[in-house]
Amino acid sequence: MSNFNINWLAENFNQKSLVIFDIGCADLNDTVRMKNILTTSVFYAFECAEAWENSNMIKANQYNRNYIHKAVSDIDGEITFYPSLELDKET
């Protein structure tokens, strides 16, 4: 879980229907948390790291989230992806 301020999100955007892209969603936890607050918004979560693919597919189905196992880039085609070594100081 990241240090994303979910209270700020609720205070400023709770009554709005938005389309939100969570680029680099890692473990999908923030997407799940944000959708629980912004219930009328539509979320698209992207993550291309192989380590998260299976668990994110399961979690996306469980929580009815839009998960895309792809990267977003300004390059058309395949590129080399270098994932970070840690998520929120967790290896």
PDB file of N, CA and C in Angstrom:
ATOM      1  N   MET A   1       0.846  -1.176   0.000  1.00  0.00           N
ATOM      2  CA  MET A   1       0.000   0.000   0.000  1.00  0.00           C
ATOM      3  C   MET A   1       0.891   1.238   0.000  1.00  0.00           C
ATOM      4  N   SER A   2       0.511   2.227  -0.782  1.00  0.00           N
ATOM      5  CA  SER A   2       1.320   3.437  -0.882  1.00  0.00           C
ATOM      6  C   SER A   2       0.927   4.436   0.201  1.00  0.00           C
ATOM      7  N   ASN A   3       1.591   5.560   0.151  1.00  0.00           N
ATOM      8  CA  ASN A   3       1.289   6.632   1.093  1.00  0.00           C
ATOM      9  C   ASN A   3       0.269   7.611   0.521  1.00  0.00           C
ATOM     10  N   PHE A   4      -0.503   7.159  -0.445  1.00  0.00           N
ATOM     11  CA  PHE A   4      -1.520   8.000  -1.065  1.00  0.00           C
ATOM     12  C   PHE A   4      -2.525   8.454  -0.013  1.00  0.00           C
ATOM     13  N   ASN A   5      -2.862   9.747  -0.024  1.00  0.00           N
ATOM     14  CA  ASN A   5      -3.767  10.326   0.969  1.00  0.00           C
ATOM     15  C   ASN A   5      -5.217  10.116   0.527  1.00  0.00           C
ATOM     16  N   ILE A   6      -5.806   9.042   0.979  1.00  0.00           N
ATOM     17  CA  ILE A   6      -7.175   8.690   0.598  1.00  0.00           C
ATOM     18  C   ILE A   6      -8.186   9.693   1.161  1.00  0.00           C
ATOM     19  N   ASN A   7      -7.876  10.322   2.294  1.00  0.00           N
ATOM     20  CA  ASN A   7      -8.785  11.325   2.865  1.00  0.00           C
ATOM     21  C   ASN A   7      -8.878  12.549   1.967  1.00  0.00           C
ATOM     22  N   TRP A   8      -7.755  12.984   1.393  1.00  0.00           N
ATOM     23  CA  TRP A   8      -7.756  14.119   0.474  1.00  0.00           C
ATOM     24  C   TRP A   8      -8.619  13.816  -0.736  1.00  0.00           C
ATOM     25  N   LEU A   9      -8.496  12.607  -1.246  1.00  0.00           N
ATOM     26  CA  LEU A   9      -9.291  12.188  -2.397  1.00  0.00           C
ATOM     27  C   LEU A   9     -10.781  12.258  -2.075  1.00  0.00           C
ATOM     28  N   ALA A  10     -11.161  11.741  -0.932  1.00  0.00           N
ATOM     29  CA  ALA A  10     -12.578  11.746  -0.521  1.00  0.00           C
ATOM     30  C   ALA A  10     -13.098  13.163  -0.332  1.00  0.00           C
ATOM     31  N   GLU A  11     -12.296  14.030   0.246  1.00  0.00           N
ATOM     32  CA  GLU A  11     -12.729  15.406   0.504  1.00  0.00           C
ATOM     33  C   GLU A  11     -12.878  16.223  -0.778  1.00  0.00           C
ATOM     34  N   ASN A  12     -12.079  15.938  -1.788  1.00  0.00           N
ATOM     35  CA  ASN A  12     -12.053  16.782  -2.980  1.00  0.00           C
ATOM     36  C   ASN A  12     -12.767  16.219  -4.197  1.00  0.00           C
ATOM     37  N   PHE A  13     -12.982  14.910  -4.259  1.00  0.00           N
ATOM     38  CA  PHE A  13     -13.527  14.324  -5.476  1.00  0.00           C
ATOM     39  C   PHE A  13     -14.677  13.345  -5.248  1.00  0.00           C
ATOM     40  N   ASN A  14     -15.150  13.196  -4.043  1.00  0.00           N
ATOM     41  CA  ASN A  14     -16.130  12.166  -3.713  1.00  0.00           C
ATOM     42  C   ASN A  14     -17.432  12.289  -4.495  1.00  0.00           C
ATOM     43  N   GLN A  15     -17.876  13.475  -4.814  1.00  0.00           N
ATOM     44  CA  GLN A  15     -19.161  13.664  -5.479  1.00  0.00           C
ATOM     45  C   GLN A  15     -19.054  13.731  -6.997  1.00  0.00           C
ATOM     46  N   LYS A  16     -17.888  13.417  -7.556  1.00  0.00           N
ATOM     47  CA  LYS A  16     -17.684  13.536  -8.992  1.00  0.00           C
ATOM     48  C   LYS A  16     -17.524  12.171  -9.637  1.00  0.00           C
ATOM     49  N   SER A  17     -18.023  12.052 -10.852  1.00  0.00           N
ATOM     50  CA  SER A  17     -17.811  10.846 -11.645  1.00  0.00           C
ATOM     51  C   SER A  17     -16.641  11.104 -12.585  1.00  0.00           C
ATOM     52  N   LEU A  18     -15.568  10.417 -12.376  1.00  0.00           N
ATOM     53  CA  LEU A  18     -14.340  10.631 -13.130  1.00  0.00           C
ATOM     54  C   LEU A  18     -13.907   9.354 -13.832  1.00  0.00           C
ATOM     55  N   VAL A  19     -13.045   9.503 -14.812  1.00  0.00           N
ATOM     56  CA  VAL A  19     -12.330   8.378 -15.388  1.00  0.00           C
ATOM     57  C   VAL A  19     -10.895   8.521 -14.908  1.00  0.00           C
ATOM     58  N   ILE A  20     -10.406   7.523 -14.193  1.00  0.00           N
ATOM     59  CA  ILE A  20      -9.087   7.596 -13.560  1.00  0.00           C
ATOM     60  C   ILE A  20      -8.210   6.470 -14.073  1.00  0.00           C
ATOM     61  N   PHE A  21      -6.988   6.827 -14.445  1.00  0.00           N
ATOM     62  CA  PHE A  21      -5.993   5.860 -14.891  1.00  0.00           C
ATOM     63  C   PHE A  21      -4.934   5.714 -13.807  1.00  0.00           C
ATOM     64  N   ASP A  22      -4.784   4.518 -13.284  1.00  0.00           N
ATOM     65  CA  ASP A  22      -3.745   4.232 -12.301  1.00  0.00           C
ATOM     66  C   ASP A  22      -2.597   3.569 -13.063  1.00  0.00           C
ATOM     67  N   ILE A  23      -1.648   4.377 -13.505  1.00  0.00           N
ATOM     68  CA  ILE A  23      -0.537   3.895 -14.314  1.00  0.00           C
ATOM     69  C   ILE A  23       0.567   3.409 -13.376  1.00  0.00           C
ATOM     70  N   GLY A  24       0.937   2.157 -13.521  1.00  0.00           N
ATOM     71  CA  GLY A  24       1.926   1.574 -12.616  1.00  0.00           C
ATOM     72  C   GLY A  24       1.279   1.220 -11.290  1.00  0.00           C
ATOM     73  N   CYS A  25       0.168   0.500 -11.357  1.00  0.00           N
ATOM     74  CA  CYS A  25      -0.641   0.230 -10.161  1.00  0.00           C
ATOM     75  C   CYS A  25      -0.011  -0.776  -9.200  1.00  0.00           C
ATOM     76  N   ALA A  26       1.082  -1.413  -9.605  1.00  0.00           N
ATOM     77  CA  ALA A  26       1.771  -2.397  -8.765  1.00  0.00           C
ATOM     78  C   ALA A  26       0.796  -3.481  -8.306  1.00  0.00           C
ATOM     79  N   ASP A  27       0.478  -3.513  -7.010  1.00  0.00           N
ATOM     80  CA  ASP A  27      -0.341  -4.595  -6.446  1.00  0.00           C
ATOM     81  C   ASP A  27      -1.843  -4.332  -6.496  1.00  0.00           C
ATOM     82  N   LEU A  28      -2.274  -3.259  -7.136  1.00  0.00           N
ATOM     83  CA  LEU A  28      -3.683  -2.891  -7.326  1.00  0.00           C
ATOM     84  C   LEU A  28      -4.364  -2.403  -6.048  1.00  0.00           C
ATOM     85  N   ASN A  29      -3.653  -2.340  -4.939  1.00  0.00           N
ATOM     86  CA  ASN A  29      -4.276  -1.946  -3.676  1.00  0.00           C
ATOM     87  C   ASN A  29      -4.802  -0.520  -3.687  1.00  0.00           C
ATOM     88  N   ASP A  30      -4.033   0.419  -4.258  1.00  0.00           N
ATOM     89  CA  ASP A  30      -4.517   1.805  -4.292  1.00  0.00           C
ATOM     90  C   ASP A  30      -5.753   1.949  -5.169  1.00  0.00           C
ATOM     91  N   THR A  31      -5.791   1.217  -6.266  1.00  0.00           N
ATOM     92  CA  THR A  31      -6.967   1.267  -7.140  1.00  0.00           C
ATOM     93  C   THR A  31      -8.202   0.782  -6.393  1.00  0.00           C
ATOM     94  N   VAL A  32      -8.061  -0.293  -5.658  1.00  0.00           N
ATOM     95  CA  VAL A  32      -9.181  -0.828  -4.870  1.00  0.00           C
ATOM     96  C   VAL A  32      -9.623   0.206  -3.836  1.00  0.00           C
ATOM     97  N   ARG A  33      -8.669   0.802  -3.131  1.00  0.00           N
ATOM     98  CA  ARG A  33      -8.991   1.794  -2.099  1.00  0.00           C
ATOM     99  C   ARG A  33      -9.670   3.023  -2.707  1.00  0.00           C
ATOM    100  N   MET A  34      -9.129   3.520  -3.834  1.00  0.00           N
ATOM    101  CA  MET A  34      -9.699   4.717  -4.452  1.00  0.00           C
ATOM    102  C   MET A  34     -11.114   4.461  -4.967  1.00  0.00           C
ATOM    103  N   LYS A  35     -11.348   3.312  -5.560  1.00  0.00           N
ATOM    104  CA  LYS A  35     -12.682   2.991  -6.085  1.00  0.00           C
ATOM    105  C   LYS A  35     -13.692   2.856  -4.953  1.00  0.00           C
ATOM    106  N   ASN A  36     -13.251   2.424  -3.789  1.00  0.00           N
ATOM    107  CA  ASN A  36     -14.151   2.339  -2.639  1.00  0.00           C
ATOM    108  C   ASN A  36     -14.613   3.720  -2.188  1.00  0.00           C
ATOM    109  N   ILE A  37     -13.805   4.744  -2.445  1.00  0.00           N
ATOM    110  CA  ILE A  37     -14.165   6.118  -2.093  1.00  0.00           C
ATOM    111  C   ILE A  37     -14.930   6.782  -3.234  1.00  0.00           C
ATOM    112  N   LEU A  38     -14.420   6.629  -4.462  1.00  0.00           N
ATOM    113  CA  LEU A  38     -15.030   7.258  -5.637  1.00  0.00           C
ATOM    114  C   LEU A  38     -15.882   6.226  -6.364  1.00  0.00           C
ATOM    115  N   THR A  39     -16.989   5.894  -5.774  1.00  0.00           N
ATOM    116  CA  THR A  39     -17.799   4.762  -6.242  1.00  0.00           C
ATOM    117  C   THR A  39     -18.407   4.960  -7.624  1.00  0.00           C
ATOM    118  N   THR A  40     -18.645   6.206  -8.046  1.00  0.00           N
ATOM    119  CA  THR A  40     -19.244   6.436  -9.356  1.00  0.00           C
ATOM    120  C   THR A  40     -18.199   6.625 -10.454  1.00  0.00           C
ATOM    121  N   SER A  41     -16.931   6.638 -10.099  1.00  0.00           N
ATOM    122  CA  SER A  41     -15.861   6.813 -11.075  1.00  0.00           C
ATOM    123  C   SER A  41     -15.473   5.482 -11.702  1.00  0.00           C
ATOM    124  N   VAL A  42     -14.885   5.564 -12.886  1.00  0.00           N
ATOM    125  CA  VAL A  42     -14.414   4.386 -13.603  1.00  0.00           C
ATOM    126  C   VAL A  42     -12.890   4.388 -13.546  1.00  0.00           C
ATOM    127  N   PHE A  43     -12.311   3.271 -13.150  1.00  0.00           N
ATOM    128  CA  PHE A  43     -10.861   3.154 -12.998  1.00  0.00           C
ATOM    129  C   PHE A  43     -10.297   2.170 -14.010  1.00  0.00           C
ATOM    130  N   TYR A  44      -9.145   2.531 -14.551  1.00  0.00           N
ATOM    131  CA  TYR A  44      -8.360   1.642 -15.398  1.00  0.00           C
ATOM    132  C   TYR A  44      -6.968   1.570 -14.793  1.00  0.00           C
ATOM    133  N   ALA A  45      -6.585   0.391 -14.349  1.00  0.00           N
ATOM    134  CA  ALA A  45      -5.292   0.202 -13.703  1.00  0.00           C
ATOM    135  C   ALA A  45      -4.352  -0.535 -14.651  1.00  0.00           C
ATOM    136  N   PHE A  46      -3.152   0.012 -14.812  1.00  0.00           N
ATOM    137  CA  PHE A  46      -2.142  -0.569 -15.694  1.00  0.00           C
ATOM    138  C   PHE A  46      -0.928  -0.994 -14.884  1.00  0.00           C
ATOM    139  N   GLU A  47      -0.424  -2.178 -15.178  1.00  0.00           N
ATOM    140  CA  GLU A  47       0.830  -2.655 -14.583  1.00  0.00           C
ATOM    141  C   GLU A  47       1.410  -3.691 -15.523  1.00  0.00           C
ATOM    142  N   CYS A  48       2.677  -3.545 -15.866  1.00  0.00           N
ATOM    143  CA  CYS A  48       3.277  -4.496 -16.805  1.00  0.00           C
ATOM    144  C   CYS A  48       4.274  -5.456 -16.143  1.00  0.00           C
ATOM    145  N   ALA A  49       4.567  -5.287 -14.870  1.00  0.00           N
ATOM    146  CA  ALA A  49       5.512  -6.187 -14.195  1.00  0.00           C
ATOM    147  C   ALA A  49       4.895  -7.577 -14.059  1.00  0.00           C
ATOM    148  N   GLU A  50       5.632  -8.559 -14.521  1.00  0.00           N
ATOM    149  CA  GLU A  50       5.144  -9.948 -14.471  1.00  0.00           C
ATOM    150  C   GLU A  50       4.834 -10.403 -13.047  1.00  0.00           C
ATOM    151  N   ALA A  51       5.560  -9.880 -12.079  1.00  0.00           N
ATOM    152  CA  ALA A  51       5.368 -10.307 -10.687  1.00  0.00           C
ATOM    153  C   ALA A  51       3.957 -10.058 -10.184  1.00  0.00           C
ATOM    154  N   TRP A  52       3.259  -9.065 -10.734  1.00  0.00           N
ATOM    155  CA  TRP A  52       1.933  -8.713 -10.253  1.00  0.00           C
ATOM    156  C   TRP A  52       0.796  -9.285 -11.098  1.00  0.00           C
ATOM    157  N   GLU A  53       1.098  -9.830 -12.260  1.00  0.00           N
ATOM    158  CA  GLU A  53       0.033 -10.180 -13.207  1.00  0.00           C
ATOM    159  C   GLU A  53      -1.019 -11.122 -12.625  1.00  0.00           C
ATOM    160  N   ASN A  54      -0.625 -12.268 -12.110  1.00  0.00           N
ATOM    161  CA  ASN A  54      -1.609 -13.254 -11.617  1.00  0.00           C
ATOM    162  C   ASN A  54      -2.417 -12.733 -10.440  1.00  0.00           C
ATOM    163  N   SER A  55      -1.748 -12.166  -9.453  1.00  0.00           N
ATOM    164  CA  SER A  55      -2.484 -11.681  -8.281  1.00  0.00           C
ATOM    165  C   SER A  55      -3.390 -10.504  -8.649  1.00  0.00           C
ATOM    166  N   ASN A  56      -2.950  -9.650  -9.582  1.00  0.00           N
ATOM    167  CA  ASN A  56      -3.796  -8.528  -9.994  1.00  0.00           C
ATOM    168  C   ASN A  56      -5.009  -8.983 -10.790  1.00  0.00           C
ATOM    169  N   MET A  57      -4.852 -10.000 -11.607  1.00  0.00           N
ATOM    170  CA  MET A  57      -6.009 -10.523 -12.346  1.00  0.00           C
ATOM    171  C   MET A  57      -7.064 -11.055 -11.368  1.00  0.00           C
ATOM    172  N   ILE A  58      -6.618 -11.772 -10.361  1.00  0.00           N
ATOM    173  CA  ILE A  58      -7.531 -12.312  -9.349  1.00  0.00           C
ATOM    174  C   ILE A  58      -8.192 -11.169  -8.580  1.00  0.00           C
ATOM    175  N   LYS A  59      -7.377 -10.204  -8.138  1.00  0.00           N
ATOM    176  CA  LYS A  59      -7.904  -9.081  -7.356  1.00  0.00           C
ATOM    177  C   LYS A  59      -8.854  -8.228  -8.194  1.00  0.00           C
ATOM    178  N   ALA A  60      -8.526  -8.004  -9.464  1.00  0.00           N
ATOM    179  CA  ALA A  60      -9.403  -7.211 -10.340  1.00  0.00           C
ATOM    180  C   ALA A  60     -10.757  -7.882 -10.490  1.00  0.00           C
ATOM    181  N   ASN A  61     -10.775  -9.188 -10.652  1.00  0.00           N
ATOM    182  CA  ASN A  61     -12.042  -9.914 -10.746  1.00  0.00           C
ATOM    183  C   ASN A  61     -12.800  -9.883  -9.427  1.00  0.00           C
ATOM    184  N   GLN A  62     -12.079 -10.050  -8.341  1.00  0.00           N
ATOM    185  CA  GLN A  62     -12.697 -10.063  -7.017  1.00  0.00           C
ATOM    186  C   GLN A  62     -13.366  -8.725  -6.695  1.00  0.00           C
ATOM    187  N   TYR A  63     -12.698  -7.614  -7.052  1.00  0.00           N
ATOM    188  CA  TYR A  63     -13.209  -6.284  -6.720  1.00  0.00           C
ATOM    189  C   TYR A  63     -13.860  -5.568  -7.903  1.00  0.00           C
ATOM    190  N   ASN A  64     -14.033  -6.272  -9.023  1.00  0.00           N
ATOM    191  CA  ASN A  64     -14.653  -5.715 -10.218  1.00  0.00           C
ATOM    192  C   ASN A  64     -13.941  -4.438 -10.687  1.00  0.00           C
ATOM    193  N   ARG A  65     -12.627  -4.547 -10.885  1.00  0.00           N
ATOM    194  CA  ARG A  65     -11.807  -3.430 -11.353  1.00  0.00           C
ATOM    195  C   ARG A  65     -11.311  -3.706 -12.764  1.00  0.00           C
ATOM    196  N   ASN A  66     -11.018  -2.665 -13.529  1.00  0.00           N
ATOM    197  CA  ASN A  66     -10.477  -2.790 -14.876  1.00  0.00           C
ATOM    198  C   ASN A  66      -8.959  -2.834 -14.783  1.00  0.00           C
ATOM    199  N   TYR A  67      -8.385  -4.000 -15.003  1.00  0.00           N
ATOM    200  CA  TYR A  67      -6.936  -4.165 -14.932  1.00  0.00           C
ATOM    201  C   TYR A  67      -6.395  -4.522 -16.301  1.00  0.00           C
ATOM    202  N   ILE A  68      -5.357  -3.803 -16.730  1.00  0.00           N
ATOM    203  CA  ILE A  68      -4.727  -4.050 -18.017  1.00  0.00           C
ATOM    204  C   ILE A  68      -3.252  -4.357 -17.767  1.00  0.00           C
ATOM    205  N   HIS A  69      -2.841  -5.553 -18.143  1.00  0.00           N
ATOM    206  CA  HIS A  69      -1.441  -5.950 -17.942  1.00  0.00           C
ATOM    207  C   HIS A  69      -0.620  -5.487 -19.146  1.00  0.00           C
ATOM    208  N   LYS A  70      -0.432  -4.196 -19.242  1.00  0.00           N
ATOM    209  CA  LYS A  70       0.323  -3.557 -20.321  1.00  0.00           C
ATOM    210  C   LYS A  70       0.990  -2.309 -19.757  1.00  0.00           C
ATOM    211  N   ALA A  71       1.951  -1.818 -20.490  1.00  0.00           N
ATOM    212  CA  ALA A  71       2.589  -0.553 -20.140  1.00  0.00           C
ATOM    213  C   ALA A  71       2.062   0.550 -21.054  1.00  0.00           C
ATOM    214  N   VAL A  72       2.187   1.770 -20.603  1.00  0.00           N
ATOM    215  CA  VAL A  72       1.820   2.920 -21.397  1.00  0.00           C
ATOM    216  C   VAL A  72       3.112   3.657 -21.721  1.00  0.00           C
ATOM    217  N   SER A  73       3.315   3.938 -22.995  1.00  0.00           N
ATOM    218  CA  SER A  73       4.567   4.566 -23.419  1.00  0.00           C
ATOM    219  C   SER A  73       4.320   5.441 -24.640  1.00  0.00           C
ATOM    220  N   ASP A  74       5.304   6.280 -24.935  1.00  0.00           N
ATOM    221  CA  ASP A  74       5.238   7.083 -26.154  1.00  0.00           C
ATOM    222  C   ASP A  74       5.853   6.343 -27.338  1.00  0.00           C
ATOM    223  N   ILE A  75       6.240   5.085 -27.124  1.00  0.00           N
ATOM    224  CA  ILE A  75       6.836   4.256 -28.168  1.00  0.00           C
ATOM    225  C   ILE A  75       5.848   3.169 -28.560  1.00  0.00           C
ATOM    226  N   ASP A  76       5.623   3.007 -29.843  1.00  0.00           N
ATOM    227  CA  ASP A  76       4.746   1.965 -30.355  1.00  0.00           C
ATOM    228  C   ASP A  76       5.551   0.676 -30.486  1.00  0.00           C
ATOM    229  N   GLY A  77       5.124  -0.385 -29.861  1.00  0.00           N
ATOM    230  CA  GLY A  77       5.826  -1.661 -29.957  1.00  0.00           C
ATOM    231  C   GLY A  77       6.393  -2.093 -28.625  1.00  0.00           C
ATOM    232  N   GLU A  78       7.345  -2.994 -28.678  1.00  0.00           N
ATOM    233  CA  GLU A  78       7.939  -3.533 -27.453  1.00  0.00           C
ATOM    234  C   GLU A  78       9.111  -2.683 -26.993  1.00  0.00           C
ATOM    235  N   ILE A  79       9.212  -2.527 -25.660  1.00  0.00           N
ATOM    236  CA  ILE A  79      10.333  -1.811 -25.061  1.00  0.00           C
ATOM    237  C   ILE A  79      10.824  -2.609 -23.868  1.00  0.00           C
ATOM    238  N   THR A  80      11.997  -2.285 -23.395  1.00  0.00           N
ATOM    239  CA  THR A  80      12.533  -2.930 -22.197  1.00  0.00           C
ATOM    240  C   THR A  80      11.947  -2.246 -20.975  1.00  0.00           C
ATOM    241  N   PHE A  81      11.465  -3.041 -20.030  1.00  0.00           N
ATOM    242  CA  PHE A  81      10.861  -2.525 -18.805  1.00  0.00           C
ATOM    243  C   PHE A  81      11.768  -2.836 -17.631  1.00  0.00           C
ATOM    244  N   TYR A  82      12.072  -1.841 -16.839  1.00  0.00           N
ATOM    245  CA  TYR A  82      12.910  -2.006 -15.649  1.00  0.00           C
ATOM    246  C   TYR A  82      12.061  -1.709 -14.414  1.00  0.00           C
ATOM    247  N   PRO A  83      11.526  -2.738 -13.752  1.00  0.00           N
ATOM    248  CA  PRO A  83      10.699  -2.487 -12.559  1.00  0.00           C
ATOM    249  C   PRO A  83      11.544  -1.970 -11.404  1.00  0.00           C
ATOM    250  N   SER A  84      10.917  -1.256 -10.510  1.00  0.00           N
ATOM    251  CA  SER A  84      11.630  -0.793  -9.328  1.00  0.00           C
ATOM    252  C   SER A  84      11.943  -1.968  -8.423  1.00  0.00           C
ATOM    253  N   LEU A  85      12.932  -1.790  -7.579  1.00  0.00           N
ATOM    254  CA  LEU A  85      13.339  -2.871  -6.691  1.00  0.00           C
ATOM    255  C   LEU A  85      12.457  -2.971  -5.459  1.00  0.00           C
ATOM    256  N   GLU A  86      11.662  -1.939  -5.182  1.00  0.00           N
ATOM    257  CA  GLU A  86      10.827  -1.967  -3.987  1.00  0.00           C
ATOM    258  C   GLU A  86       9.526  -1.233  -4.227  1.00  0.00           C
ATOM    259  N   LEU A  87       8.543  -1.557  -3.423  1.00  0.00           N
ATOM    260  CA  LEU A  87       7.257  -0.891  -3.424  1.00  0.00           C
ATOM    261  C   LEU A  87       7.042  -0.350  -2.027  1.00  0.00           C
ATOM    262  N   ASP A  88       7.039   0.978  -1.903  1.00  0.00           N
ATOM    263  CA  ASP A  88       6.848   1.618  -0.599  1.00  0.00           C
ATOM    264  C   ASP A  88       7.801   1.050   0.445  1.00  0.00           C
ATOM    265  N   LYS A  89       9.072   0.951   0.072  1.00  0.00           N
ATOM    266  CA  LYS A  89      10.164   0.469   0.936  1.00  0.00           C
ATOM    267  C   LYS A  89      10.054  -1.018   1.265  1.00  0.00           C
ATOM    268  N   GLU A  90       9.220  -1.735   0.530  1.00  0.00           N
ATOM    269  CA  GLU A  90       9.119  -3.184   0.691  1.00  0.00           C
ATOM    270  C   GLU A  90       9.767  -3.834  -0.524  1.00  0.00           C
ATOM    271  N   THR A  91      10.624  -4.807  -0.316  1.00  0.00           N
ATOM    272  CA  THR A  91      11.272  -5.474  -1.440  1.00  0.00           C
ATOM    273  C   THR A  91      10.488  -6.685  -1.880  1.00  0.00           C
TER     274      THR A  91
END
